[in-house]
Amino acid sequence: DLYMLYKLVTEKGGLVEIINKKIWREITKGL
């Protein structure tokens, strides 16, 4: 679900923040 992926990533501060903070697990849970 690209819409949900975009929404989750931008709510957490964007792609760079997700990579830097290593919080992909939160994104996978959200999806």
ModelCIF file with pLDDT and N, C-alpha, C, O atoms, coordinates in Angstrom:
data_MODEL
#
_entry.id   MODEL 
#
_entity.id                         1 
_entity.type                       polymer 
_entity.pdbx_number_of_molecules   1 
#
_entity_poly.entity_id                      1 
_entity_poly.type                           'polypeptide(L)' 
_entity_poly.nstd_linkage                   no 
_entity_poly.nstd_monomer                   no 
_entity_poly.pdbx_seq_one_letter_code       DLYMLYKLVTEKGGLVEIINKKIWREITKGL 
_entity_poly.pdbx_seq_one_letter_code_can   DLYMLYKLVTEKGGLVEIINKKIWREITKGL 
_entity_poly.pdbx_strand_id                 A 
#
loop_
_entity_poly_seq.entity_id 
_entity_poly_seq.num 
_entity_poly_seq.mon_id 
_entity_poly_seq.hetero 
1 1  ASP n 
1 2  LEU n 
1 3  TYR n 
1 4  MET n 
1 5  LEU n 
1 6  TYR n 
1 7  LYS n 
1 8  LEU n 
1 9  VAL n 
1 10 THR n 
1 11 GLU n 
1 12 LYS n 
1 13 GLY n 
1 14 GLY n 
1 15 LEU n 
1 16 VAL n 
1 17 GLU n 
1 18 ILE n 
1 19 ILE n 
1 20 ASN n 
1 21 LYS n 
1 22 LYS n 
1 23 ILE n 
1 24 TRP n 
1 25 ARG n 
1 26 GLU n 
1 27 ILE n 
1 28 THR n 
1 29 LYS n 
1 30 GLY n 
1 31 LEU n 
#
_struct_asym.id          A 
_struct_asym.entity_id   1 
#
loop_
_ma_qa_metric.id 
_ma_qa_metric.mode 
_ma_qa_metric.name 
_ma_qa_metric.software_group_id 
_ma_qa_metric.type 
1 global pLDDT . pLDDT 
2 local  pLDDT . pLDDT 
#
_ma_qa_metric_global.metric_id      1 
_ma_qa_metric_global.metric_value   95.97 
_ma_qa_metric_global.model_id       1 
_ma_qa_metric_global.ordinal_id     1 
#
loop_
_ma_qa_metric_local.label_asym_id 
_ma_qa_metric_local.label_comp_id 
_ma_qa_metric_local.label_seq_id 
_ma_qa_metric_local.metric_id 
_ma_qa_metric_local.metric_value 
_ma_qa_metric_local.model_id 
_ma_qa_metric_local.ordinal_id 
A ASP 1  2 95.00 1 1  
A LEU 2  2 96.00 1 2  
A TYR 3  2 97.00 1 3  
A MET 4  2 97.00 1 4  
A LEU 5  2 97.00 1 5  
A TYR 6  2 97.00 1 6  
A LYS 7  2 97.00 1 7  
A LEU 8  2 98.00 1 8  
A VAL 9  2 97.00 1 9  
A THR 10 2 97.00 1 10 
A GLU 11 2 97.00 1 11 
A LYS 12 2 96.00 1 12 
A GLY 13 2 97.00 1 13 
A GLY 14 2 97.00 1 14 
A LEU 15 2 97.00 1 15 
A VAL 16 2 96.00 1 16 
A GLU 17 2 96.00 1 17 
A ILE 18 2 97.00 1 18 
A ILE 19 2 95.00 1 19 
A ASN 20 2 95.00 1 20 
A LYS 21 2 95.00 1 21 
A LYS 22 2 94.00 1 22 
A ILE 23 2 95.00 1 23 
A TRP 24 2 95.00 1 24 
A ARG 25 2 94.00 1 25 
A GLU 26 2 95.00 1 26 
A ILE 27 2 96.00 1 27 
A THR 28 2 95.00 1 28 
A LYS 29 2 94.00 1 29 
A GLY 30 2 96.00 1 30 
A LEU 31 2 95.00 1 31 
#
loop_
_atom_site.group_PDB 
_atom_site.id 
_atom_site.type_symbol 
_atom_site.label_atom_id 
_atom_site.label_alt_id 
_atom_site.label_comp_id 
_atom_site.label_asym_id 
_atom_site.label_entity_id 
_atom_site.label_seq_id 
_atom_site.pdbx_PDB_ins_code 
_atom_site.Cartn_x 
_atom_site.Cartn_y 
_atom_site.Cartn_z 
_atom_site.occupancy 
_atom_site.B_iso_or_equiv 
_atom_site.pdbx_formal_charge 
_atom_site.auth_seq_id 
_atom_site.auth_comp_id 
_atom_site.auth_asym_id 
_atom_site.auth_atom_id 
_atom_site.pdbx_PDB_model_num 
ATOM 1   N N  . ASP A 1 1  ? 0.861  -1.179 0.000  1.00 95.00 ? 1  ASP A N  1 
ATOM 2   C CA . ASP A 1 1  ? 0.000  0.000  0.000  1.00 95.00 ? 1  ASP A CA 1 
ATOM 3   C C  . ASP A 1 1  ? 0.905  1.238  0.000  1.00 95.00 ? 1  ASP A C  1 
ATOM 4   O O  . ASP A 1 1  ? 1.392  1.657  1.050  1.00 95.00 ? 1  ASP A O  1 
ATOM 5   N N  . LEU A 1 2  ? 1.123  1.816  -1.179 1.00 96.00 ? 2  LEU A N  1 
ATOM 6   C CA . LEU A 1 2  ? 2.035  2.948  -1.300 1.00 96.00 ? 2  LEU A CA 1 
ATOM 7   C C  . LEU A 1 2  ? 1.523  4.176  -0.550 1.00 96.00 ? 2  LEU A C  1 
ATOM 8   O O  . LEU A 1 2  ? 2.313  4.933  0.014  1.00 96.00 ? 2  LEU A O  1 
ATOM 9   N N  . TYR A 1 3  ? 0.220  4.373  -0.541 1.00 97.00 ? 3  TYR A N  1 
ATOM 10  C CA . TYR A 1 3  ? -0.327 5.517  0.193  1.00 97.00 ? 3  TYR A CA 1 
ATOM 11  C C  . TYR A 1 3  ? -0.013 5.395  1.681  1.00 97.00 ? 3  TYR A C  1 
ATOM 12  O O  . TYR A 1 3  ? 0.433  6.354  2.311  1.00 97.00 ? 3  TYR A O  1 
ATOM 13  N N  . MET A 1 4  ? -0.246 4.218  2.230  1.00 97.00 ? 4  MET A N  1 
ATOM 14  C CA . MET A 1 4  ? 0.010  4.016  3.661  1.00 97.00 ? 4  MET A CA 1 
ATOM 15  C C  . MET A 1 4  ? 1.509  4.106  3.950  1.00 97.00 ? 4  MET A C  1 
ATOM 16  O O  . MET A 1 4  ? 1.908  4.657  4.975  1.00 97.00 ? 4  MET A O  1 
ATOM 17  N N  . LEU A 1 5  ? 2.339  3.571  3.057  1.00 97.00 ? 5  LEU A N  1 
ATOM 18  C CA . LEU A 1 5  ? 3.787  3.677  3.231  1.00 97.00 ? 5  LEU A CA 1 
ATOM 19  C C  . LEU A 1 5  ? 4.209  5.141  3.273  1.00 97.00 ? 5  LEU A C  1 
ATOM 20  O O  . LEU A 1 5  ? 4.973  5.542  4.151  1.00 97.00 ? 5  LEU A O  1 
ATOM 21  N N  . TYR A 1 6  ? 3.716  5.940  2.329  1.00 97.00 ? 6  TYR A N  1 
ATOM 22  C CA . TYR A 1 6  ? 4.039  7.366  2.287  1.00 97.00 ? 6  TYR A CA 1 
ATOM 23  C C  . TYR A 1 6  ? 3.573  8.070  3.564  1.00 97.00 ? 6  TYR A C  1 
ATOM 24  O O  . TYR A 1 6  ? 4.313  8.856  4.156  1.00 97.00 ? 6  TYR A O  1 
ATOM 25  N N  . LYS A 1 7  ? 2.363  7.784  3.970  1.00 97.00 ? 7  LYS A N  1 
ATOM 26  C CA . LYS A 1 7  ? 1.801  8.417  5.164  1.00 97.00 ? 7  LYS A CA 1 
ATOM 27  C C  . LYS A 1 7  ? 2.631  8.073  6.405  1.00 97.00 ? 7  LYS A C  1 
ATOM 28  O O  . LYS A 1 7  ? 2.962  8.962  7.191  1.00 97.00 ? 7  LYS A O  1 
ATOM 29  N N  . LEU A 1 8  ? 2.967  6.803  6.586  1.00 98.00 ? 8  LEU A N  1 
ATOM 30  C CA . LEU A 1 8  ? 3.752  6.378  7.750  1.00 98.00 ? 8  LEU A CA 1 
ATOM 31  C C  . LEU A 1 8  ? 5.141  7.006  7.753  1.00 98.00 ? 8  LEU A C  1 
ATOM 32  O O  . LEU A 1 8  ? 5.614  7.473  8.789  1.00 98.00 ? 8  LEU A O  1 
ATOM 33  N N  . VAL A 1 9  ? 5.794  7.016  6.589  1.00 97.00 ? 9  VAL A N  1 
ATOM 34  C CA . VAL A 1 9  ? 7.159  7.546  6.507  1.00 97.00 ? 9  VAL A CA 1 
ATOM 35  C C  . VAL A 1 9  ? 7.170  9.054  6.760  1.00 97.00 ? 9  VAL A C  1 
ATOM 36  O O  . VAL A 1 9  ? 8.014  9.548  7.508  1.00 97.00 ? 9  VAL A O  1 
ATOM 37  N N  . THR A 1 10 ? 6.250  9.781  6.149  1.00 97.00 ? 10 THR A N  1 
ATOM 38  C CA . THR A 1 10 ? 6.250  11.239 6.329  1.00 97.00 ? 10 THR A CA 1 
ATOM 39  C C  . THR A 1 10 ? 5.823  11.631 7.741  1.00 97.00 ? 10 THR A C  1 
ATOM 40  O O  . THR A 1 10 ? 6.269  12.661 8.246  1.00 97.00 ? 10 THR A O  1 
ATOM 41  N N  . GLU A 1 11 ? 4.973  10.840 8.389  1.00 97.00 ? 11 GLU A N  1 
ATOM 42  C CA . GLU A 1 11 ? 4.599  11.116 9.782  1.00 97.00 ? 11 GLU A CA 1 
ATOM 43  C C  . GLU A 1 11 ? 5.801  10.981 10.718 1.00 97.00 ? 11 GLU A C  1 
ATOM 44  O O  . GLU A 1 11 ? 5.864  11.642 11.754 1.00 97.00 ? 11 GLU A O  1 
ATOM 45  N N  . LYS A 1 12 ? 6.747  10.127 10.350 1.00 96.00 ? 12 LYS A N  1 
ATOM 46  C CA . LYS A 1 12 ? 7.940  9.904  11.174 1.00 96.00 ? 12 LYS A CA 1 
ATOM 47  C C  . LYS A 1 12 ? 9.084  10.840 10.792 1.00 96.00 ? 12 LYS A C  1 
ATOM 48  O O  . LYS A 1 12 ? 10.176 10.731 11.351 1.00 96.00 ? 12 LYS A O  1 
ATOM 49  N N  . GLY A 1 13 ? 8.855  11.757 9.849  1.00 97.00 ? 13 GLY A N  1 
ATOM 50  C CA . GLY A 1 13 ? 9.878  12.731 9.501  1.00 97.00 ? 13 GLY A CA 1 
ATOM 51  C C  . GLY A 1 13 ? 10.500 12.560 8.136  1.00 97.00 ? 13 GLY A C  1 
ATOM 52  O O  . GLY A 1 13 ? 11.393 13.324 7.771  1.00 97.00 ? 13 GLY A O  1 
ATOM 53  N N  . GLY A 1 14 ? 10.057 11.585 7.373  1.00 97.00 ? 14 GLY A N  1 
ATOM 54  C CA . GLY A 1 14 ? 10.565 11.385 6.024  1.00 97.00 ? 14 GLY A CA 1 
ATOM 55  C C  . GLY A 1 14 ? 11.557 10.240 5.932  1.00 97.00 ? 14 GLY A C  1 
ATOM 56  O O  . GLY A 1 14 ? 11.978 9.676  6.942  1.00 97.00 ? 14 GLY A O  1 
ATOM 57  N N  . LEU A 1 15 ? 11.914 9.913  4.721  1.00 97.00 ? 15 LEU A N  1 
ATOM 58  C CA . LEU A 1 15 ? 12.766 8.760  4.449  1.00 97.00 ? 15 LEU A CA 1 
ATOM 59  C C  . LEU A 1 15 ? 14.122 8.859  5.128  1.00 97.00 ? 15 LEU A C  1 
ATOM 60  O O  . LEU A 1 15 ? 14.607 7.874  5.685  1.00 97.00 ? 15 LEU A O  1 
ATOM 61  N N  . VAL A 1 16 ? 14.743 10.034 5.090  1.00 96.00 ? 16 VAL A N  1 
ATOM 62  C CA . VAL A 1 16 ? 16.070 10.186 5.684  1.00 96.00 ? 16 VAL A CA 1 
ATOM 63  C C  . VAL A 1 16 ? 16.011 9.936  7.192  1.00 96.00 ? 16 VAL A C  1 
ATOM 64  O O  . VAL A 1 16 ? 16.906 9.302  7.751  1.00 96.00 ? 16 VAL A O  1 
ATOM 65  N N  . GLU A 1 17 ? 14.972 10.424 7.845  1.00 96.00 ? 17 GLU A N  1 
ATOM 66  C CA . GLU A 1 17 ? 14.815 10.195 9.290  1.00 96.00 ? 17 GLU A CA 1 
ATOM 67  C C  . GLU A 1 17 ? 14.621 8.715  9.603  1.00 96.00 ? 17 GLU A C  1 
ATOM 68  O O  . GLU A 1 17 ? 15.185 8.201  10.570 1.00 96.00 ? 17 GLU A O  1 
ATOM 69  N N  . ILE A 1 18 ? 13.828 8.034  8.790  1.00 97.00 ? 18 ILE A N  1 
ATOM 70  C CA . ILE A 1 18 ? 13.587 6.604  8.992  1.00 97.00 ? 18 ILE A CA 1 
ATOM 71  C C  . ILE A 1 18 ? 14.904 5.838  8.876  1.00 97.00 ? 18 ILE A C  1 
ATOM 72  O O  . ILE A 1 18 ? 15.186 4.950  9.681  1.00 97.00 ? 18 ILE A O  1 
ATOM 73  N N  . ILE A 1 19 ? 15.703 6.186  7.873  1.00 95.00 ? 19 ILE A N  1 
ATOM 74  C CA . ILE A 1 19 ? 16.984 5.511  7.678  1.00 95.00 ? 19 ILE A CA 1 
ATOM 75  C C  . ILE A 1 19 ? 17.928 5.813  8.835  1.00 95.00 ? 19 ILE A C  1 
ATOM 76  O O  . ILE A 1 19 ? 18.537 4.901  9.395  1.00 95.00 ? 19 ILE A O  1 
ATOM 77  N N  . ASN A 1 20 ? 18.053 7.091  9.195  1.00 95.00 ? 20 ASN A N  1 
ATOM 78  C CA . ASN A 1 20 ? 18.983 7.486  10.255 1.00 95.00 ? 20 ASN A CA 1 
ATOM 79  C C  . ASN A 1 20 ? 18.601 6.905  11.619 1.00 95.00 ? 20 ASN A C  1 
ATOM 80  O O  . ASN A 1 20 ? 19.469 6.478  12.381 1.00 95.00 ? 20 ASN A O  1 
ATOM 81  N N  . LYS A 1 21 ? 17.303 6.891  11.920 1.00 95.00 ? 21 LYS A N  1 
ATOM 82  C CA . LYS A 1 21 ? 16.841 6.390  13.224 1.00 95.00 ? 21 LYS A CA 1 
ATOM 83  C C  . LYS A 1 21 ? 16.644 4.876  13.231 1.00 95.00 ? 21 LYS A C  1 
ATOM 84  O O  . LYS A 1 21 ? 16.433 4.269  14.282 1.00 95.00 ? 21 LYS A O  1 
ATOM 85  N N  . LYS A 1 22 ? 16.716 4.274  12.037 1.00 94.00 ? 22 LYS A N  1 
ATOM 86  C CA . LYS A 1 22 ? 16.547 2.821  11.893 1.00 94.00 ? 22 LYS A CA 1 
ATOM 87  C C  . LYS A 1 22 ? 15.247 2.346  12.529 1.00 94.00 ? 22 LYS A C  1 
ATOM 88  O O  . LYS A 1 22 ? 15.246 1.464  13.388 1.00 94.00 ? 22 LYS A O  1 
ATOM 89  N N  . ILE A 1 23 ? 14.143 2.943  12.093 1.00 95.00 ? 23 ILE A N  1 
ATOM 90  C CA . ILE A 1 23 ? 12.836 2.599  12.655 1.00 95.00 ? 23 ILE A CA 1 
ATOM 91  C C  . ILE A 1 23 ? 11.923 1.956  11.601 1.00 95.00 ? 23 ILE A C  1 
ATOM 92  O O  . ILE A 1 23 ? 10.715 2.191  11.576 1.00 95.00 ? 23 ILE A O  1 
ATOM 93  N N  . TRP A 1 24 ? 12.527 1.150  10.746 1.00 95.00 ? 24 TRP A N  1 
ATOM 94  C CA . TRP A 1 24 ? 11.734 0.452  9.732  1.00 95.00 ? 24 TRP A CA 1 
ATOM 95  C C  . TRP A 1 24 ? 10.748 -0.525 10.359 1.00 95.00 ? 24 TRP A C  1 
ATOM 96  O O  . TRP A 1 24 ? 9.692  -0.788 9.783  1.00 95.00 ? 24 TRP A O  1 
ATOM 97  N N  . ARG A 1 25 ? 11.076 -1.064 11.528 1.00 94.00 ? 25 ARG A N  1 
ATOM 98  C CA . ARG A 1 25 ? 10.166 -2.006 12.175 1.00 94.00 ? 25 ARG A CA 1 
ATOM 99  C C  . ARG A 1 25 ? 8.820  -1.346 12.469 1.00 94.00 ? 25 ARG A C  1 
ATOM 100 O O  . ARG A 1 25 ? 7.776  -1.989 12.356 1.00 94.00 ? 25 ARG A O  1 
ATOM 101 N N  . GLU A 1 26 ? 8.839  -0.073 12.844 1.00 95.00 ? 26 GLU A N  1 
ATOM 102 C CA . GLU A 1 26 ? 7.589  0.648  13.079 1.00 95.00 ? 26 GLU A CA 1 
ATOM 103 C C  . GLU A 1 26 ? 6.783  0.783  11.788 1.00 95.00 ? 26 GLU A C  1 
ATOM 104 O O  . GLU A 1 26 ? 5.555  0.707  11.800 1.00 95.00 ? 26 GLU A O  1 
ATOM 105 N N  . ILE A 1 27 ? 7.479  0.981  10.690 1.00 96.00 ? 27 ILE A N  1 
ATOM 106 C CA . ILE A 1 27 ? 6.803  1.092  9.392  1.00 96.00 ? 27 ILE A CA 1 
ATOM 107 C C  . ILE A 1 27 ? 6.207  -0.260 8.996  1.00 96.00 ? 27 ILE A C  1 
ATOM 108 O O  . ILE A 1 27 ? 5.070  -0.325 8.529  1.00 96.00 ? 27 ILE A O  1 
ATOM 109 N N  . THR A 1 28 ? 6.976  -1.340 9.183  1.00 95.00 ? 28 THR A N  1 
ATOM 110 C CA . THR A 1 28 ? 6.447  -2.668 8.832  1.00 95.00 ? 28 THR A CA 1 
ATOM 111 C C  . THR A 1 28 ? 5.237  -3.014 9.695  1.00 95.00 ? 28 THR A C  1 
ATOM 112 O O  . THR A 1 28 ? 4.283  -3.623 9.212  1.00 95.00 ? 28 THR A O  1 
ATOM 113 N N  . LYS A 1 29 ? 5.273  -2.627 10.971 1.00 94.00 ? 29 LYS A N  1 
ATOM 114 C CA . LYS A 1 29 ? 4.107  -2.862 11.840 1.00 94.00 ? 29 LYS A CA 1 
ATOM 115 C C  . LYS A 1 29 ? 2.905  -2.061 11.353 1.00 94.00 ? 29 LYS A C  1 
ATOM 116 O O  . LYS A 1 29 ? 1.783  -2.566 11.326 1.00 94.00 ? 29 LYS A O  1 
ATOM 117 N N  . GLY A 1 30 ? 3.147  -0.808 10.966 1.00 96.00 ? 30 GLY A N  1 
ATOM 118 C CA . GLY A 1 30 ? 2.068  0.042  10.467 1.00 96.00 ? 30 GLY A CA 1 
ATOM 119 C C  . GLY A 1 30 ? 1.445  -0.487 9.188  1.00 96.00 ? 30 GLY A C  1 
ATOM 120 O O  . GLY A 1 30 ? 0.270  -0.245 8.914  1.00 96.00 ? 30 GLY A O  1 
ATOM 121 N N  . LEU A 1 31 ? 2.232  -1.208 8.409  1.00 95.00 ? 31 LEU A N  1 
ATOM 122 C CA . LEU A 1 31 ? 1.744  -1.806 7.162  1.00 95.00 ? 31 LEU A CA 1 
ATOM 123 C C  . LEU A 1 31 ? 1.199  -3.216 7.376  1.00 95.00 ? 31 LEU A C  1 
ATOM 124 O O  . LEU A 1 31 ? 0.750  -3.856 6.425  1.00 95.00 ? 31 LEU A O  1 
#
